[in-house]
């Protein structure tokens, strides 16, 4: 649900930060292949680890019953994901 101009701007920014590389698709010159660099992979792993830690702390703070309810509701929202589009 983003414009192509917005996606291009985000990719340009990520490339400038050294997070991705963009190369033309050899089989289709209209396409671009986007790959994470080592720096990009490291950032994704760092953020993922941080999020997992934060969610674990939140679930622990909720207690078992509320944590189960939260997980159940999140799963239901994922099932309903198409209604947000």
PDB file of N, CA and C in Angstrom:
ATOM      1  N   UNK A   1       0.812  -1.183   0.000  1.00  0.00           N
ATOM      2  CA  UNK A   1       0.000   0.000   0.000  1.00  0.00           C
ATOM      3  C   UNK A   1       0.865   1.261   0.000  1.00  0.00           C
ATOM      4  N   UNK A   2       2.046   1.160  -0.601  1.00  0.00           N
ATOM      5  CA  UNK A   2       2.942   2.303  -0.740  1.00  0.00           C
ATOM      6  C   UNK A   2       3.084   2.648  -2.210  1.00  0.00           C
ATOM      7  N   UNK A   3       3.356   3.907  -2.477  1.00  0.00           N
ATOM      8  CA  UNK A   3       3.590   4.292  -3.864  1.00  0.00           C
ATOM      9  C   UNK A   3       4.970   3.804  -4.292  1.00  0.00           C
ATOM     10  N   UNK A   4       5.159   3.651  -5.585  1.00  0.00           N
ATOM     11  CA  UNK A   4       6.470   3.233  -6.081  1.00  0.00           C
ATOM     12  C   UNK A   4       7.529   4.293  -5.749  1.00  0.00           C
ATOM     13  N   UNK A   5       7.126   5.561  -5.741  1.00  0.00           N
ATOM     14  CA  UNK A   5       8.075   6.625  -5.402  1.00  0.00           C
ATOM     15  C   UNK A   5       8.538   6.491  -3.957  1.00  0.00           C
ATOM     16  N   UNK A   6       7.628   6.155  -3.055  1.00  0.00           N
ATOM     17  CA  UNK A   6       7.989   5.993  -1.637  1.00  0.00           C
ATOM     18  C   UNK A   6       8.913   4.792  -1.454  1.00  0.00           C
ATOM     19  N   UNK A   7       8.612   3.703  -2.133  1.00  0.00           N
ATOM     20  CA  UNK A   7       9.471   2.512  -2.047  1.00  0.00           C
ATOM     21  C   UNK A   7      10.855   2.841  -2.588  1.00  0.00           C
ATOM     22  N   UNK A   8      10.924   3.533  -3.705  1.00  0.00           N
ATOM     23  CA  UNK A   8      12.214   3.904  -4.290  1.00  0.00           C
ATOM     24  C   UNK A   8      13.009   4.786  -3.329  1.00  0.00           C
ATOM     25  N   UNK A   9      12.333   5.717  -2.665  1.00  0.00           N
ATOM     26  CA  UNK A   9      13.013   6.593  -1.701  1.00  0.00           C
ATOM     27  C   UNK A   9      13.540   5.796  -0.509  1.00  0.00           C
ATOM     28  N   UNK A  10      12.749   4.843  -0.030  1.00  0.00           N
ATOM     29  CA  UNK A  10      13.201   4.011   1.098  1.00  0.00           C
ATOM     30  C   UNK A  10      14.405   3.162   0.695  1.00  0.00           C
ATOM     31  N   UNK A  11      14.349   2.577  -0.497  1.00  0.00           N
ATOM     32  CA  UNK A  11      15.465   1.758  -0.972  1.00  0.00           C
ATOM     33  C   UNK A  11      16.723   2.600  -1.148  1.00  0.00           C
ATOM     34  N   UNK A  12      16.568   3.811  -1.664  1.00  0.00           N
ATOM     35  CA  UNK A  12      17.715   4.688  -1.835  1.00  0.00           C
ATOM     36  C   UNK A  12      18.348   5.010  -0.485  1.00  0.00           C
ATOM     37  N   UNK A  13      17.509   5.280   0.505  1.00  0.00           N
ATOM     38  CA  UNK A  13      18.007   5.569   1.845  1.00  0.00           C
ATOM     39  C   UNK A  13      18.732   4.362   2.444  1.00  0.00           C
ATOM     40  N   UNK A  14      18.130   3.186   2.326  1.00  0.00           N
ATOM     41  CA  UNK A  14      18.758   1.966   2.853  1.00  0.00           C
ATOM     42  C   UNK A  14      20.073   1.663   2.147  1.00  0.00           C
ATOM     43  N   UNK A  15      20.110   1.909   0.842  1.00  0.00           N
ATOM     44  CA  UNK A  15      21.345   1.692   0.085  1.00  0.00           C
ATOM     45  C   UNK A  15      22.414   2.678   0.546  1.00  0.00           C
ATOM     46  N   UNK A  16      22.029   3.916   0.772  1.00  0.00           N
ATOM     47  CA  UNK A  16      22.967   4.926   1.244  1.00  0.00           C
ATOM     48  C   UNK A  16      23.535   4.619   2.617  1.00  0.00           C
ATOM     49  N   UNK A  17      22.743   3.920   3.425  1.00  0.00           N
ATOM     50  CA  UNK A  17      23.192   3.521   4.763  1.00  0.00           C
ATOM     51  C   UNK A  17      24.007   2.227   4.733  1.00  0.00           C
ATOM     52  N   UNK A  18      24.109   1.629   3.564  1.00  0.00           N
ATOM     53  CA  UNK A  18      24.860   0.381   3.444  1.00  0.00           C
ATOM     54  C   UNK A  18      24.107  -0.841   3.911  1.00  0.00           C
ATOM     55  N   UNK A  19      22.780  -0.744   3.978  1.00  0.00           N
ATOM     56  CA  UNK A  19      21.959  -1.857   4.465  1.00  0.00           C
ATOM     57  C   UNK A  19      21.562  -2.823   3.359  1.00  0.00           C
ATOM     58  N   UNK A  20      21.478  -2.318   2.114  1.00  0.00           N
ATOM     59  CA  UNK A  20      21.072  -3.153   0.979  1.00  0.00           C
ATOM     60  C   UNK A  20      21.947  -2.853  -0.226  1.00  0.00           C
ATOM     61  N   UNK A  21      21.886  -3.768  -1.178  1.00  0.00           N
ATOM     62  CA  UNK A  21      22.446  -3.510  -2.510  1.00  0.00           C
ATOM     63  C   UNK A  21      21.312  -3.699  -3.510  1.00  0.00           C
ATOM     64  N   UNK A  22      21.383  -2.937  -4.591  1.00  0.00           N
ATOM     65  CA  UNK A  22      20.403  -3.069  -5.677  1.00  0.00           C
ATOM     66  C   UNK A  22      21.172  -3.365  -6.951  1.00  0.00           C
ATOM     67  N   UNK A  23      20.742  -4.412  -7.642  1.00  0.00           N
ATOM     68  CA  UNK A  23      21.369  -4.751  -8.918  1.00  0.00           C
ATOM     69  C   UNK A  23      20.266  -5.043  -9.932  1.00  0.00           C
ATOM     70  N   UNK A  24      20.502  -4.665 -11.183  1.00  0.00           N
ATOM     71  CA  UNK A  24      19.490  -4.958 -12.207  1.00  0.00           C
ATOM     72  C   UNK A  24      19.319  -6.467 -12.373  1.00  0.00           C
ATOM     73  N   UNK A  25      18.095  -6.888 -12.604  1.00  0.00           N
ATOM     74  CA  UNK A  25      17.808  -8.293 -12.878  1.00  0.00           C
ATOM     75  C   UNK A  25      18.315  -8.599 -14.281  1.00  0.00           C
ATOM     76  N   UNK A  26      19.239  -9.556 -14.442  1.00  0.00           N
ATOM     77  CA  UNK A  26      19.795  -9.841 -15.764  1.00  0.00           C
ATOM     78  C   UNK A  26      18.760 -10.389 -16.754  1.00  0.00           C
ATOM     79  N   UNK A  27      17.668 -10.967 -16.245  1.00  0.00           N
ATOM     80  CA  UNK A  27      16.667 -11.532 -17.153  1.00  0.00           C
ATOM     81  C   UNK A  27      15.519 -10.576 -17.453  1.00  0.00           C
ATOM     82  N   UNK A  28      15.433  -9.452 -16.706  1.00  0.00           N
ATOM     83  CA  UNK A  28      14.362  -8.490 -16.931  1.00  0.00           C
ATOM     84  C   UNK A  28      14.851  -7.109 -16.500  1.00  0.00           C
ATOM     85  N   UNK A  29      15.216  -6.295 -17.463  1.00  0.00           N
ATOM     86  CA  UNK A  29      15.832  -4.996 -17.160  1.00  0.00           C
ATOM     87  C   UNK A  29      14.892  -4.037 -16.433  1.00  0.00           C
ATOM     88  N   UNK A  30      13.599  -4.358 -16.378  1.00  0.00           N
ATOM     89  CA  UNK A  30      12.649  -3.508 -15.647  1.00  0.00           C
ATOM     90  C   UNK A  30      12.675  -3.789 -14.151  1.00  0.00           C
ATOM     91  N   UNK A  31      13.282  -4.898 -13.780  1.00  0.00           N
ATOM     92  CA  UNK A  31      13.286  -5.335 -12.384  1.00  0.00           C
ATOM     93  C   UNK A  31      14.630  -5.049 -11.718  1.00  0.00           C
ATOM     94  N   UNK A  32      14.600  -4.944 -10.397  1.00  0.00           N
ATOM     95  CA  UNK A  32      15.818  -4.743  -9.608  1.00  0.00           C
ATOM     96  C   UNK A  32      15.840  -5.798  -8.511  1.00  0.00           C
ATOM     97  N   UNK A  33      16.992  -6.388  -8.290  1.00  0.00           N
ATOM     98  CA  UNK A  33      17.151  -7.367  -7.223  1.00  0.00           C
ATOM     99  C   UNK A  33      17.715  -6.633  -6.008  1.00  0.00           C
ATOM    100  N   UNK A  34      17.012  -6.740  -4.886  1.00  0.00           N
ATOM    101  CA  UNK A  34      17.412  -6.073  -3.648  1.00  0.00           C
ATOM    102  C   UNK A  34      17.899  -7.144  -2.679  1.00  0.00           C
ATOM    103  N   UNK A  35      19.110  -6.948  -2.146  1.00  0.00           N
ATOM    104  CA  UNK A  35      19.688  -7.900  -1.194  1.00  0.00           C
ATOM    105  C   UNK A  35      20.178  -7.163   0.039  1.00  0.00           C
ATOM    106  N   UNK A  36      20.006  -7.797   1.197  1.00  0.00           N
ATOM    107  CA  UNK A  36      20.572  -7.246   2.421  1.00  0.00           C
ATOM    108  C   UNK A  36      22.079  -7.422   2.411  1.00  0.00           C
ATOM    109  N   UNK A  37      22.780  -6.427   2.901  1.00  0.00           N
ATOM    110  CA  UNK A  37      24.225  -6.546   3.084  1.00  0.00           C
ATOM    111  C   UNK A  37      24.476  -7.183   4.452  1.00  0.00           C
ATOM    112  N   UNK A  38      25.721  -7.476   4.761  1.00  0.00           N
ATOM    113  CA  UNK A  38      26.061  -7.995   6.091  1.00  0.00           C
ATOM    114  C   UNK A  38      25.610  -7.011   7.173  1.00  0.00           C
ATOM    115  N   UNK A  39      25.796  -5.720   6.904  1.00  0.00           N
ATOM    116  CA  UNK A  39      25.361  -4.692   7.849  1.00  0.00           C
ATOM    117  C   UNK A  39      23.846  -4.745   8.039  1.00  0.00           C
ATOM    118  N   UNK A  40      23.115  -4.912   6.953  1.00  0.00           N
ATOM    119  CA  UNK A  40      21.660  -5.012   7.022  1.00  0.00           C
ATOM    120  C   UNK A  40      21.210  -6.242   7.785  1.00  0.00           C
ATOM    121  N   UNK A  41      21.861  -7.367   7.519  1.00  0.00           N
ATOM    122  CA  UNK A  41      21.530  -8.613   8.221  1.00  0.00           C
ATOM    123  C   UNK A  41      21.787  -8.455   9.713  1.00  0.00           C
ATOM    124  N   UNK A  42      22.902  -7.848  10.064  1.00  0.00           N
ATOM    125  CA  UNK A  42      23.228  -7.636  11.486  1.00  0.00           C
ATOM    126  C   UNK A  42      22.171  -6.781  12.172  1.00  0.00           C
ATOM    127  N   UNK A  43      21.733  -5.723  11.496  1.00  0.00           N
ATOM    128  CA  UNK A  43      20.712  -4.850  12.076  1.00  0.00           C
ATOM    129  C   UNK A  43      19.394  -5.597  12.265  1.00  0.00           C
ATOM    130  N   UNK A  44      18.994  -6.383  11.269  1.00  0.00           N
ATOM    131  CA  UNK A  44      17.752  -7.150  11.373  1.00  0.00           C
ATOM    132  C   UNK A  44      17.840  -8.119  12.557  1.00  0.00           C
ATOM    133  N   UNK A  45      18.951  -8.813  12.684  1.00  0.00           N
ATOM    134  CA  UNK A  45      19.115  -9.764  13.785  1.00  0.00           C
ATOM    135  C   UNK A  45      19.102  -9.049  15.135  1.00  0.00           C
ATOM    136  N   UNK A  46      19.745  -7.898  15.202  1.00  0.00           N
ATOM    137  CA  UNK A  46      19.776  -7.115  16.439  1.00  0.00           C
ATOM    138  C   UNK A  46      18.368  -6.662  16.830  1.00  0.00           C
ATOM    139  N   UNK A  47      17.632  -6.158  15.865  1.00  0.00           N
ATOM    140  CA  UNK A  47      16.264  -5.694  16.137  1.00  0.00           C
ATOM    141  C   UNK A  47      15.348  -6.859  16.506  1.00  0.00           C
ATOM    142  N   UNK A  48      15.511  -7.978  15.804  1.00  0.00           N
ATOM    143  CA  UNK A  48      14.688  -9.157  16.099  1.00  0.00           C
ATOM    144  C   UNK A  48      14.936  -9.630  17.526  1.00  0.00           C
ATOM    145  N   UNK A  49      16.192  -9.701  17.915  1.00  0.00           N
ATOM    146  CA  UNK A  49      16.534 -10.121  19.271  1.00  0.00           C
ATOM    147  C   UNK A  49      15.937  -9.166  20.298  1.00  0.00           C
ATOM    148  N   UNK A  50      16.027  -7.873  20.027  1.00  0.00           N
ATOM    149  CA  UNK A  50      15.455  -6.880  20.932  1.00  0.00           C
ATOM    150  C   UNK A  50      13.945  -7.018  21.065  1.00  0.00           C
ATOM    151  N   UNK A  51      13.276  -7.254  19.941  1.00  0.00           N
ATOM    152  CA  UNK A  51      11.820  -7.419  19.970  1.00  0.00           C
ATOM    153  C   UNK A  51      11.414  -8.679  20.732  1.00  0.00           C
ATOM    154  N   UNK A  52      12.128  -9.765  20.505  1.00  0.00           N
ATOM    155  CA  UNK A  52      11.822 -11.010  21.210  1.00  0.00           C
ATOM    156  C   UNK A  52      11.976 -10.804  22.712  1.00  0.00           C
ATOM    157  N   UNK A  53      13.032 -10.128  23.107  1.00  0.00           N
ATOM    158  CA  UNK A  53      13.272  -9.850  24.524  1.00  0.00           C
ATOM    159  C   UNK A  53      12.139  -8.986  25.097  1.00  0.00           C
ATOM    160  N   UNK A  54      11.737  -7.952  24.374  1.00  0.00           N
ATOM    161  CA  UNK A  54      10.679  -7.059  24.847  1.00  0.00           C
ATOM    162  C   UNK A  54       9.338  -7.790  24.976  1.00  0.00           C
ATOM    163  N   UNK A  55       9.005  -8.614  23.986  1.00  0.00           N
ATOM    164  CA  UNK A  55       7.743  -9.358  24.033  1.00  0.00           C
ATOM    165  C   UNK A  55       7.770 -10.364  25.180  1.00  0.00           C
ATOM    166  N   UNK A  56       8.895 -11.032  25.384  1.00  0.00           N
ATOM    167  CA  UNK A  56       9.011 -11.988  26.484  1.00  0.00           C
ATOM    168  C   UNK A  56       8.791 -11.296  27.829  1.00  0.00           C
ATOM    169  N   UNK A  57       9.383 -10.117  27.999  1.00  0.00           N
ATOM    170  CA  UNK A  57       9.197  -9.365  29.246  1.00  0.00           C
ATOM    171  C   UNK A  57       7.735  -8.955  29.422  1.00  0.00           C
ATOM    172  N   UNK A  58       7.097  -8.523  28.330  1.00  0.00           N
ATOM    173  CA  UNK A  58       5.702  -8.120  28.402  1.00  0.00           C
ATOM    174  C   UNK A  58       4.813  -9.297  28.796  1.00  0.00           C
ATOM    175  N   UNK A  59       5.013 -10.450  28.153  1.00  0.00           N
ATOM    176  CA  UNK A  59       4.208 -11.621  28.463  1.00  0.00           C
ATOM    177  C   UNK A  59       4.430 -12.075  29.901  1.00  0.00           C
ATOM    178  N   UNK A  60       5.650 -12.000  30.356  1.00  0.00           N
ATOM    179  CA  UNK A  60       5.955 -12.369  31.739  1.00  0.00           C
ATOM    180  C   UNK A  60       5.235 -11.431  32.714  1.00  0.00           C
ATOM    181  N   UNK A  61       5.228 -10.138  32.399  1.00  0.00           N
ATOM    182  CA  UNK A  61       4.567  -9.157  33.260  1.00  0.00           C
ATOM    183  C   UNK A  61       3.048  -9.358  33.279  1.00  0.00           C
ATOM    184  N   UNK A  62       2.476  -9.814  32.167  1.00  0.00           N
ATOM    185  CA  UNK A  62       1.033 -10.032  32.098  1.00  0.00           C
ATOM    186  C   UNK A  62       0.580 -11.189  32.979  1.00  0.00           C
ATOM    187  N   UNK A  63       1.432 -12.172  33.140  1.00  0.00           N
ATOM    188  CA  UNK A  63       1.026 -13.379  33.846  1.00  0.00           C
ATOM    189  C   UNK A  63       0.464 -14.387  32.857  1.00  0.00           C
ATOM    190  N   UNK A  64       0.390 -15.625  33.286  1.00  0.00           N
ATOM    191  CA  UNK A  64       0.040 -16.710  32.372  1.00  0.00           C
ATOM    192  C   UNK A  64      -1.331 -16.541  31.725  1.00  0.00           C
ATOM    193  N   UNK A  65      -2.355 -16.247  32.508  1.00  0.00           N
ATOM    194  CA  UNK A  65      -3.713 -16.163  31.958  1.00  0.00           C
ATOM    195  C   UNK A  65      -3.850 -15.022  30.943  1.00  0.00           C
ATOM    196  N   UNK A  66      -3.388 -13.836  31.308  1.00  0.00           N
ATOM    197  CA  UNK A  66      -3.487 -12.695  30.392  1.00  0.00           C
ATOM    198  C   UNK A  66      -2.575 -12.875  29.171  1.00  0.00           C
ATOM    199  N   UNK A  67      -1.418 -13.496  29.364  1.00  0.00           N
ATOM    200  CA  UNK A  67      -0.510 -13.732  28.246  1.00  0.00           C
ATOM    201  C   UNK A  67      -1.161 -14.675  27.229  1.00  0.00           C
ATOM    202  N   UNK A  68      -1.830 -15.710  27.714  1.00  0.00           N
ATOM    203  CA  UNK A  68      -2.526 -16.637  26.811  1.00  0.00           C
ATOM    204  C   UNK A  68      -3.634 -15.910  26.050  1.00  0.00           C
ATOM    205  N   UNK A  69      -4.362 -15.044  26.741  1.00  0.00           N
ATOM    206  CA  UNK A  69      -5.430 -14.285  26.093  1.00  0.00           C
ATOM    207  C   UNK A  69      -4.840 -13.357  25.028  1.00  0.00           C
ATOM    208  N   UNK A  70      -3.736 -12.705  25.341  1.00  0.00           N
ATOM    209  CA  UNK A  70      -3.075 -11.805  24.395  1.00  0.00           C
ATOM    210  C   UNK A  70      -2.637 -12.571  23.143  1.00  0.00           C
ATOM    211  N   UNK A  71      -2.016 -13.719  23.333  1.00  0.00           N
ATOM    212  CA  UNK A  71      -1.556 -14.523  22.198  1.00  0.00           C
ATOM    213  C   UNK A  71      -2.746 -14.991  21.364  1.00  0.00           C
ATOM    214  N   UNK A  72      -3.828 -15.382  22.024  1.00  0.00           N
ATOM    215  CA  UNK A  72      -5.031 -15.814  21.308  1.00  0.00           C
ATOM    216  C   UNK A  72      -5.590 -14.665  20.467  1.00  0.00           C
ATOM    217  N   UNK A  73      -5.670 -13.478  21.038  1.00  0.00           N
ATOM    218  CA  UNK A  73      -6.203 -12.324  20.314  1.00  0.00           C
ATOM    219  C   UNK A  73      -5.281 -11.937  19.155  1.00  0.00           C
ATOM    220  N   UNK A  74      -3.984 -11.967  19.362  1.00  0.00           N
ATOM    221  CA  UNK A  74      -3.035 -11.654  18.283  1.00  0.00           C
ATOM    222  C   UNK A  74      -3.197 -12.641  17.129  1.00  0.00           C
ATOM    223  N   UNK A  75      -3.345 -13.915  17.460  1.00  0.00           N
ATOM    224  CA  UNK A  75      -3.530 -14.929  16.414  1.00  0.00           C
ATOM    225  C   UNK A  75      -4.813 -14.657  15.637  1.00  0.00           C
ATOM    226  N   UNK A  76      -5.851 -14.262  16.333  1.00  0.00           N
ATOM    227  CA  UNK A  76      -7.121 -13.959  15.665  1.00  0.00           C
ATOM    228  C   UNK A  76      -6.984 -12.743  14.753  1.00  0.00           C
ATOM    229  N   UNK A  77      -6.284 -11.720  15.206  1.00  0.00           N
ATOM    230  CA  UNK A  77      -6.063 -10.539  14.378  1.00  0.00           C
ATOM    231  C   UNK A  77      -5.274 -10.879  13.119  1.00  0.00           C
ATOM    232  N   UNK A  78      -4.323 -11.798  13.246  1.00  0.00           N
ATOM    233  CA  UNK A  78      -3.556 -12.240  12.074  1.00  0.00           C
ATOM    234  C   UNK A  78      -4.486 -12.951  11.087  1.00  0.00           C
ATOM    235  N   UNK A  79      -5.383 -13.796  11.609  1.00  0.00           N
ATOM    236  CA  UNK A  79      -6.352 -14.472  10.751  1.00  0.00           C
ATOM    237  C   UNK A  79      -7.211 -13.462   9.994  1.00  0.00           C
ATOM    238  N   UNK A  80      -7.537 -12.364  10.652  1.00  0.00           N
ATOM    239  CA  UNK A  80      -8.395 -11.337  10.057  1.00  0.00           C
ATOM    240  C   UNK A  80      -7.604 -10.317   9.246  1.00  0.00           C
ATOM    241  N   UNK A  81      -6.315 -10.548   9.069  1.00  0.00           N
ATOM    242  CA  UNK A  81      -5.416  -9.589   8.449  1.00  0.00           C
ATOM    243  C   UNK A  81      -5.899  -8.950   7.170  1.00  0.00           C
ATOM    244  N   UNK A  82      -6.614  -9.680   6.364  1.00  0.00           N
ATOM    245  CA  UNK A  82      -7.061  -9.135   5.083  1.00  0.00           C
ATOM    246  C   UNK A  82      -8.082  -8.020   5.231  1.00  0.00           C
ATOM    247  N   UNK A  83      -8.769  -7.928   6.382  1.00  0.00           N
ATOM    248  CA  UNK A  83      -9.781  -6.880   6.523  1.00  0.00           C
ATOM    249  C   UNK A  83      -9.156  -5.498   6.650  1.00  0.00           C
ATOM    250  N   UNK A  84      -7.877  -5.424   6.966  1.00  0.00           N
ATOM    251  CA  UNK A  84      -7.206  -4.123   7.150  1.00  0.00           C
ATOM    252  C   UNK A  84      -6.801  -3.511   5.819  1.00  0.00           C
ATOM    253  N   UNK A  85      -6.911  -4.243   4.753  1.00  0.00           N
ATOM    254  CA  UNK A  85      -6.465  -3.742   3.440  1.00  0.00           C
ATOM    255  C   UNK A  85      -7.563  -3.088   2.676  1.00  0.00           C
TER     256      UNK A  85
END
